[in-house]
Amino acid sequence: MKILAVASGGGHWIELLRLLPAFKGNEVIFASTKDGFAETVQDFKFYSIPDINRDEKIKLPVASYNIFRLVRSIRPNVIISTGALPGLLALFAGKVYGAKTIWVDSIANAEEFSLSGKIATRFVDRTYTQWPELATKKQLFHGNVLS
């Protein structure tokens, strides 16, 4: 199975890397907003994607185009993201191209789901929270990635 693992920098990237043991036995391709992160996943293919957030709406068309183009060229079976907006765009592109999609909301969101997580819940195949008290029928809890 081909898995595209996507996250922005900082904690999102660290949490995504903590999921790596779950991908064992599959072809894993990483994408993130920082070129330097390629060094942390040297045994895997890595692609740089545009960084974007909700305060930079002007960048949305170019970022969307580049992310959709990447997903189309890779054609993963599964896309997983720990956030934020670039990961959400990759998940949306994945749905368009027929991939299974998984959102793992950041452990930093202890009181409510992130905005991107709330949006992802509307269209992804699986959504996970890292806090048991935030779990719902659609936002599942199966532990956290930083424990």
N, C-alpha and C. Protein backbone atom coordinates (compact mmCIF):
# COMPACT_ATOMS: atom_id res chain seq x y z
N MET A 1 0.85 -1.18 0.00
CA MET A 1 0.00 0.00 0.00
C MET A 1 0.89 1.24 0.00
N LYS A 2 0.49 2.25 -0.75
CA LYS A 2 1.23 3.50 -0.83
C LYS A 2 0.54 4.53 0.07
N ILE A 3 1.31 5.05 1.04
CA ILE A 3 0.78 6.02 2.01
C ILE A 3 1.48 7.36 1.82
N LEU A 4 0.70 8.41 1.69
CA LEU A 4 1.23 9.76 1.68
C LEU A 4 0.96 10.37 3.04
N ALA A 5 2.02 10.71 3.75
CA ALA A 5 1.93 11.29 5.09
C ALA A 5 2.29 12.77 5.00
N VAL A 6 1.34 13.63 5.38
CA VAL A 6 1.48 15.08 5.15
C VAL A 6 1.28 15.85 6.45
N ALA A 7 2.16 16.83 6.70
CA ALA A 7 1.99 17.70 7.86
C ALA A 7 2.77 19.00 7.66
N SER A 8 2.29 20.03 8.31
CA SER A 8 3.02 21.29 8.40
C SER A 8 4.18 21.09 9.36
N GLY A 9 4.92 22.16 9.59
CA GLY A 9 6.06 22.09 10.49
C GLY A 9 5.69 22.03 11.96
N GLY A 10 6.71 22.01 12.79
CA GLY A 10 6.53 22.02 14.24
C GLY A 10 5.92 20.75 14.79
N GLY A 11 4.99 20.92 15.70
CA GLY A 11 4.35 19.78 16.35
C GLY A 11 3.61 18.86 15.41
N HIS A 12 3.04 19.42 14.36
CA HIS A 12 2.33 18.59 13.38
C HIS A 12 3.29 17.56 12.77
N TRP A 13 4.48 18.01 12.42
CA TRP A 13 5.47 17.12 11.82
C TRP A 13 5.95 16.07 12.82
N ILE A 14 6.22 16.49 14.04
CA ILE A 14 6.68 15.56 15.08
C ILE A 14 5.63 14.49 15.33
N GLU A 15 4.37 14.88 15.42
CA GLU A 15 3.30 13.90 15.64
C GLU A 15 3.18 12.94 14.46
N LEU A 16 3.36 13.44 13.25
CA LEU A 16 3.31 12.57 12.07
C LEU A 16 4.43 11.54 12.12
N LEU A 17 5.62 11.96 12.49
CA LEU A 17 6.75 11.04 12.58
C LEU A 17 6.52 9.97 13.65
N ARG A 18 5.81 10.31 14.70
CA ARG A 18 5.50 9.34 15.76
C ARG A 18 4.58 8.23 15.26
N LEU A 19 3.90 8.45 14.16
CA LEU A 19 3.01 7.44 13.58
C LEU A 19 3.75 6.46 12.67
N LEU A 20 5.02 6.73 12.39
CA LEU A 20 5.77 5.91 11.44
C LEU A 20 5.71 4.40 11.72
N PRO A 21 5.78 3.93 12.96
CA PRO A 21 5.69 2.48 13.18
C PRO A 21 4.37 1.87 12.66
N ALA A 22 3.31 2.64 12.62
CA ALA A 22 2.02 2.14 12.11
C ALA A 22 2.05 1.91 10.60
N PHE A 23 3.04 2.49 9.93
CA PHE A 23 3.12 2.39 8.47
C PHE A 23 4.02 1.24 8.01
N LYS A 24 4.59 0.52 8.95
CA LYS A 24 5.57 -0.52 8.62
C LYS A 24 5.01 -1.50 7.58
N GLY A 25 5.86 -1.83 6.63
CA GLY A 25 5.47 -2.77 5.59
C GLY A 25 4.79 -2.12 4.39
N ASN A 26 4.66 -0.80 4.41
CA ASN A 26 4.02 -0.07 3.32
C ASN A 26 5.02 0.91 2.70
N GLU A 27 4.74 1.32 1.49
CA GLU A 27 5.53 2.38 0.87
C GLU A 27 5.03 3.70 1.44
N VAL A 28 5.92 4.44 2.09
CA VAL A 28 5.53 5.70 2.73
C VAL A 28 6.25 6.85 2.03
N ILE A 29 5.49 7.87 1.72
CA ILE A 29 6.01 9.08 1.09
C ILE A 29 5.61 10.24 1.99
N PHE A 30 6.56 11.08 2.32
CA PHE A 30 6.29 12.22 3.19
C PHE A 30 6.22 13.52 2.39
N ALA A 31 5.40 14.45 2.89
CA ALA A 31 5.33 15.79 2.33
C ALA A 31 5.17 16.77 3.47
N SER A 32 5.92 17.86 3.40
CA SER A 32 5.81 18.90 4.43
C SER A 32 6.22 20.24 3.85
N THR A 33 6.07 21.24 4.67
CA THR A 33 6.29 22.63 4.27
C THR A 33 7.72 23.10 4.47
N LYS A 34 8.57 22.27 5.03
CA LYS A 34 9.97 22.65 5.30
C LYS A 34 10.90 21.69 4.57
N ASP A 35 11.69 22.20 3.64
CA ASP A 35 12.62 21.37 2.89
C ASP A 35 13.56 20.58 3.80
N GLY A 36 13.97 21.19 4.90
CA GLY A 36 14.91 20.56 5.82
C GLY A 36 14.39 19.30 6.48
N PHE A 37 13.08 19.12 6.49
CA PHE A 37 12.52 17.91 7.10
C PHE A 37 12.88 16.65 6.33
N ALA A 38 13.33 16.79 5.10
CA ALA A 38 13.75 15.63 4.31
C ALA A 38 14.85 14.86 5.04
N GLU A 39 15.68 15.57 5.80
CA GLU A 39 16.75 14.93 6.55
C GLU A 39 16.22 14.02 7.65
N THR A 40 15.02 14.28 8.14
CA THR A 40 14.47 13.46 9.23
C THR A 40 13.80 12.19 8.72
N VAL A 41 13.62 12.10 7.41
CA VAL A 41 13.01 10.92 6.80
C VAL A 41 13.85 10.45 5.60
N GLN A 42 15.14 10.33 5.81
CA GLN A 42 16.08 10.03 4.73
C GLN A 42 15.81 8.72 4.01
N ASP A 43 15.18 7.77 4.66
CA ASP A 43 14.91 6.48 4.03
C ASP A 43 13.62 6.48 3.20
N PHE A 44 12.98 7.64 3.08
CA PHE A 44 11.70 7.74 2.40
C PHE A 44 11.73 8.86 1.37
N LYS A 45 10.85 8.76 0.39
CA LYS A 45 10.68 9.87 -0.54
C LYS A 45 10.09 11.04 0.24
N PHE A 46 10.50 12.24 -0.13
CA PHE A 46 10.02 13.45 0.54
C PHE A 46 9.74 14.51 -0.51
N TYR A 47 8.61 15.20 -0.34
CA TYR A 47 8.25 16.30 -1.22
C TYR A 47 7.96 17.54 -0.39
N SER A 48 8.41 18.66 -0.88
CA SER A 48 8.11 19.93 -0.24
C SER A 48 6.82 20.48 -0.83
N ILE A 49 5.95 20.96 0.05
CA ILE A 49 4.68 21.56 -0.39
C ILE A 49 4.60 22.98 0.16
N PRO A 50 3.78 23.82 -0.45
CA PRO A 50 3.67 25.20 0.01
C PRO A 50 3.08 25.29 1.42
N ASP A 51 3.62 26.22 2.18
CA ASP A 51 3.08 26.49 3.51
C ASP A 51 1.97 27.52 3.36
N ILE A 52 0.88 27.29 4.04
CA ILE A 52 -0.26 28.20 3.96
C ILE A 52 -1.04 28.08 5.25
N ASN A 53 -1.65 29.18 5.65
CA ASN A 53 -2.56 29.15 6.80
C ASN A 53 -3.76 30.03 6.50
N ARG A 54 -4.71 30.02 7.39
CA ARG A 54 -5.97 30.73 7.10
C ARG A 54 -5.81 32.24 7.01
N ASP A 55 -4.68 32.78 7.45
CA ASP A 55 -4.43 34.22 7.34
C ASP A 55 -3.80 34.59 6.00
N GLU A 56 -3.48 33.60 5.17
CA GLU A 56 -2.81 33.85 3.90
C GLU A 56 -3.65 33.34 2.73
N LYS A 57 -4.89 33.75 2.70
CA LYS A 57 -5.82 33.26 1.68
C LYS A 57 -5.36 33.54 0.25
N ILE A 58 -4.54 34.54 0.08
CA ILE A 58 -4.04 34.88 -1.25
C ILE A 58 -3.19 33.74 -1.83
N LYS A 59 -2.58 32.94 -0.95
CA LYS A 59 -1.73 31.83 -1.37
C LYS A 59 -2.52 30.56 -1.68
N LEU A 60 -3.79 30.55 -1.36
CA LEU A 60 -4.60 29.34 -1.47
C LEU A 60 -4.64 28.74 -2.88
N PRO A 61 -4.85 29.52 -3.94
CA PRO A 61 -4.90 28.90 -5.27
C PRO A 61 -3.60 28.20 -5.68
N VAL A 62 -2.48 28.84 -5.45
CA VAL A 62 -1.19 28.25 -5.83
C VAL A 62 -0.89 27.02 -4.97
N ALA A 63 -1.13 27.13 -3.67
CA ALA A 63 -0.89 25.99 -2.78
C ALA A 63 -1.79 24.82 -3.16
N SER A 64 -3.05 25.09 -3.40
CA SER A 64 -3.99 24.03 -3.79
C SER A 64 -3.54 23.35 -5.07
N TYR A 65 -3.17 24.13 -6.07
CA TYR A 65 -2.71 23.57 -7.34
C TYR A 65 -1.52 22.64 -7.13
N ASN A 66 -0.53 23.11 -6.37
CA ASN A 66 0.68 22.31 -6.15
C ASN A 66 0.39 21.03 -5.37
N ILE A 67 -0.46 21.12 -4.37
CA ILE A 67 -0.79 19.94 -3.56
C ILE A 67 -1.62 18.96 -4.37
N PHE A 68 -2.59 19.44 -5.12
CA PHE A 68 -3.39 18.55 -5.97
C PHE A 68 -2.49 17.86 -7.02
N ARG A 69 -1.58 18.60 -7.59
CA ARG A 69 -0.66 18.04 -8.58
C ARG A 69 0.20 16.94 -7.96
N LEU A 70 0.67 17.16 -6.75
CA LEU A 70 1.48 16.15 -6.06
C LEU A 70 0.67 14.88 -5.80
N VAL A 71 -0.53 15.05 -5.27
CA VAL A 71 -1.38 13.88 -4.98
C VAL A 71 -1.70 13.13 -6.26
N ARG A 72 -2.00 13.85 -7.31
CA ARG A 72 -2.31 13.20 -8.59
C ARG A 72 -1.11 12.42 -9.11
N SER A 73 0.09 12.95 -8.94
CA SER A 73 1.28 12.26 -9.46
C SER A 73 1.66 11.04 -8.61
N ILE A 74 1.44 11.11 -7.32
CA ILE A 74 1.78 9.99 -6.44
C ILE A 74 0.71 8.90 -6.47
N ARG A 75 -0.55 9.31 -6.53
CA ARG A 75 -1.69 8.38 -6.50
C ARG A 75 -1.62 7.42 -5.31
N PRO A 76 -1.57 7.98 -4.09
CA PRO A 76 -1.50 7.10 -2.91
C PRO A 76 -2.81 6.37 -2.67
N ASN A 77 -2.72 5.24 -1.98
CA ASN A 77 -3.91 4.53 -1.55
C ASN A 77 -4.52 5.20 -0.33
N VAL A 78 -3.63 5.75 0.52
CA VAL A 78 -4.05 6.38 1.77
C VAL A 78 -3.29 7.68 1.94
N ILE A 79 -3.98 8.70 2.44
CA ILE A 79 -3.33 9.94 2.84
C ILE A 79 -3.67 10.15 4.30
N ILE A 80 -2.64 10.45 5.10
CA ILE A 80 -2.84 10.74 6.51
C ILE A 80 -2.19 12.08 6.83
N SER A 81 -2.86 12.87 7.65
CA SER A 81 -2.32 14.17 8.04
C SER A 81 -2.58 14.43 9.52
N THR A 82 -1.61 15.09 10.13
CA THR A 82 -1.75 15.57 11.50
C THR A 82 -1.94 17.08 11.51
N GLY A 83 -2.09 17.68 10.35
CA GLY A 83 -2.38 19.11 10.24
C GLY A 83 -1.27 19.88 9.57
N ALA A 84 -1.44 21.06 9.33
CA ALA A 84 -2.65 21.86 9.43
C ALA A 84 -3.23 22.03 8.03
N LEU A 85 -3.39 23.27 7.57
CA LEU A 85 -4.08 23.52 6.30
C LEU A 85 -3.45 22.79 5.10
N PRO A 86 -2.13 22.74 4.94
CA PRO A 86 -1.60 21.97 3.81
C PRO A 86 -2.02 20.49 3.86
N GLY A 87 -2.07 19.94 5.04
CA GLY A 87 -2.53 18.56 5.19
C GLY A 87 -4.00 18.41 4.84
N LEU A 88 -4.80 19.38 5.24
CA LEU A 88 -6.22 19.37 4.92
C LEU A 88 -6.42 19.41 3.40
N LEU A 89 -5.65 20.25 2.72
CA LEU A 89 -5.74 20.33 1.26
C LEU A 89 -5.34 18.99 0.62
N ALA A 90 -4.31 18.35 1.16
CA ALA A 90 -3.88 17.05 0.63
C ALA A 90 -4.97 16.00 0.82
N LEU A 91 -5.64 16.03 1.96
CA LEU A 91 -6.73 15.08 2.20
C LEU A 91 -7.88 15.32 1.22
N PHE A 92 -8.19 16.57 0.99
CA PHE A 92 -9.25 16.89 0.03
C PHE A 92 -8.87 16.39 -1.37
N ALA A 93 -7.63 16.64 -1.76
CA ALA A 93 -7.15 16.14 -3.06
C ALA A 93 -7.23 14.62 -3.10
N GLY A 94 -6.89 13.99 -2.00
CA GLY A 94 -6.97 12.53 -1.93
C GLY A 94 -8.36 12.01 -2.16
N LYS A 95 -9.35 12.68 -1.59
CA LYS A 95 -10.74 12.26 -1.81
C LYS A 95 -11.10 12.39 -3.29
N VAL A 96 -10.65 13.46 -3.92
CA VAL A 96 -10.93 13.67 -5.35
C VAL A 96 -10.33 12.54 -6.18
N TYR A 97 -9.14 12.07 -5.79
CA TYR A 97 -8.46 11.04 -6.57
C TYR A 97 -8.67 9.62 -6.03
N GLY A 98 -9.60 9.46 -5.10
CA GLY A 98 -10.00 8.13 -4.66
C GLY A 98 -9.19 7.48 -3.55
N ALA A 99 -8.37 8.23 -2.86
CA ALA A 99 -7.59 7.68 -1.75
C ALA A 99 -8.43 7.61 -0.48
N LYS A 100 -8.09 6.71 0.41
CA LYS A 100 -8.65 6.70 1.75
C LYS A 100 -7.95 7.83 2.51
N THR A 101 -8.68 8.51 3.39
CA THR A 101 -8.12 9.69 4.05
C THR A 101 -8.30 9.61 5.56
N ILE A 102 -7.25 10.06 6.27
CA ILE A 102 -7.24 10.00 7.73
C ILE A 102 -6.70 11.31 8.28
N TRP A 103 -7.43 11.90 9.21
CA TRP A 103 -7.00 13.10 9.92
C TRP A 103 -6.74 12.73 11.37
N VAL A 104 -5.58 13.11 11.90
CA VAL A 104 -5.27 12.95 13.32
C VAL A 104 -5.09 14.34 13.89
N ASP A 105 -6.04 14.78 14.71
CA ASP A 105 -5.97 16.13 15.26
C ASP A 105 -4.83 16.22 16.26
N SER A 106 -4.20 17.37 16.32
CA SER A 106 -3.05 17.58 17.18
C SER A 106 -3.39 17.40 18.66
N ILE A 107 -2.43 16.89 19.39
CA ILE A 107 -2.60 16.72 20.83
C ILE A 107 -2.73 18.09 21.52
N ALA A 108 -2.29 19.14 20.85
CA ALA A 108 -2.41 20.49 21.42
C ALA A 108 -3.86 20.93 21.54
N ASN A 109 -4.74 20.30 20.80
CA ASN A 109 -6.16 20.66 20.82
C ASN A 109 -6.87 19.84 21.91
N ALA A 110 -6.66 20.26 23.14
CA ALA A 110 -7.17 19.50 24.29
C ALA A 110 -8.61 19.83 24.65
N GLU A 111 -9.10 21.00 24.23
CA GLU A 111 -10.44 21.41 24.63
C GLU A 111 -11.46 21.29 23.51
N GLU A 112 -11.01 21.41 22.27
CA GLU A 112 -11.90 21.23 21.13
C GLU A 112 -11.06 20.91 19.91
N PHE A 113 -11.71 20.36 18.89
CA PHE A 113 -11.04 20.04 17.64
C PHE A 113 -10.56 21.33 16.98
N SER A 114 -9.45 21.24 16.26
CA SER A 114 -8.96 22.39 15.50
C SER A 114 -9.94 22.72 14.39
N LEU A 115 -9.82 23.92 13.85
CA LEU A 115 -10.68 24.31 12.73
C LEU A 115 -10.48 23.36 11.55
N SER A 116 -9.22 23.06 11.22
CA SER A 116 -8.95 22.12 10.13
C SER A 116 -9.52 20.74 10.45
N GLY A 117 -9.43 20.32 11.71
CA GLY A 117 -9.99 19.03 12.11
C GLY A 117 -11.50 18.99 11.97
N LYS A 118 -12.14 20.09 12.31
CA LYS A 118 -13.61 20.16 12.16
C LYS A 118 -14.00 20.06 10.68
N ILE A 119 -13.24 20.73 9.83
CA ILE A 119 -13.52 20.67 8.40
C ILE A 119 -13.24 19.26 7.88
N ALA A 120 -12.13 18.67 8.29
CA ALA A 120 -11.77 17.32 7.84
C ALA A 120 -12.84 16.31 8.22
N THR A 121 -13.44 16.47 9.39
CA THR A 121 -14.46 15.53 9.86
C THR A 121 -15.62 15.43 8.87
N ARG A 122 -15.84 16.46 8.11
CA ARG A 122 -16.96 16.48 7.16
C ARG A 122 -16.73 15.59 5.94
N PHE A 123 -15.46 15.30 5.60
CA PHE A 123 -15.25 14.57 4.35
C PHE A 123 -14.24 13.43 4.39
N VAL A 124 -13.39 13.35 5.42
CA VAL A 124 -12.40 12.27 5.43
C VAL A 124 -13.02 10.95 5.87
N ASP A 125 -12.30 9.87 5.60
CA ASP A 125 -12.80 8.54 5.98
C ASP A 125 -12.70 8.29 7.48
N ARG A 126 -11.64 8.76 8.11
CA ARG A 126 -11.46 8.58 9.55
C ARG A 126 -10.88 9.84 10.16
N THR A 127 -11.36 10.19 11.34
CA THR A 127 -10.85 11.33 12.08
C THR A 127 -10.55 10.88 13.50
N TYR A 128 -9.37 11.25 13.98
CA TYR A 128 -8.96 10.84 15.32
C TYR A 128 -8.63 12.05 16.19
N THR A 129 -9.02 11.96 17.45
CA THR A 129 -8.61 12.91 18.47
C THR A 129 -7.62 12.21 19.37
N GLN A 130 -6.80 12.98 20.04
CA GLN A 130 -5.84 12.40 20.98
C GLN A 130 -6.28 12.60 22.43
N TRP A 131 -7.52 13.00 22.60
CA TRP A 131 -8.08 13.22 23.94
C TRP A 131 -9.39 12.44 24.07
N PRO A 132 -9.50 11.54 25.03
CA PRO A 132 -10.71 10.72 25.16
C PRO A 132 -11.98 11.54 25.36
N GLU A 133 -11.87 12.66 26.04
CA GLU A 133 -13.06 13.47 26.30
C GLU A 133 -13.58 14.21 25.06
N LEU A 134 -12.79 14.24 23.99
CA LEU A 134 -13.23 14.87 22.74
C LEU A 134 -13.80 13.85 21.75
N ALA A 135 -13.71 12.58 22.08
CA ALA A 135 -14.17 11.54 21.17
C ALA A 135 -15.68 11.61 20.97
N THR A 136 -16.07 11.37 19.73
CA THR A 136 -17.48 11.31 19.34
C THR A 136 -17.62 10.12 18.39
N LYS A 137 -18.79 9.99 17.84
CA LYS A 137 -19.02 8.94 16.85
C LYS A 137 -18.15 9.13 15.61
N LYS A 138 -17.87 10.38 15.26
CA LYS A 138 -17.07 10.69 14.07
C LYS A 138 -15.60 10.98 14.39
N GLN A 139 -15.31 11.39 15.61
CA GLN A 139 -13.95 11.74 16.01
C GLN A 139 -13.49 10.71 17.04
N LEU A 140 -12.75 9.73 16.56
CA LEU A 140 -12.41 8.56 17.35
C LEU A 140 -11.18 8.80 18.23
N PHE A 141 -11.13 8.08 19.35
CA PHE A 141 -9.96 8.11 20.23
C PHE A 141 -9.40 6.70 20.33
N HIS A 142 -8.11 6.56 20.03
CA HIS A 142 -7.43 5.27 20.19
C HIS A 142 -6.05 5.50 20.79
N GLY A 143 -5.92 6.52 21.65
CA GLY A 143 -4.63 6.85 22.27
C GLY A 143 -4.08 8.11 21.65
N ASN A 144 -2.85 8.46 22.12
CA ASN A 144 -2.21 9.63 21.53
C ASN A 144 -0.83 9.26 21.04
N VAL A 145 -0.28 10.07 20.19
CA VAL A 145 0.99 9.76 19.54
C VAL A 145 2.19 10.28 20.29
N LEU A 146 1.99 11.05 21.34
CA LEU A 146 3.13 11.61 22.08
C LEU A 146 3.34 10.96 23.43
N SER A 147 2.60 9.91 23.73
CA SER A 147 2.75 9.28 25.06
C SER A 147 4.01 8.45 25.13
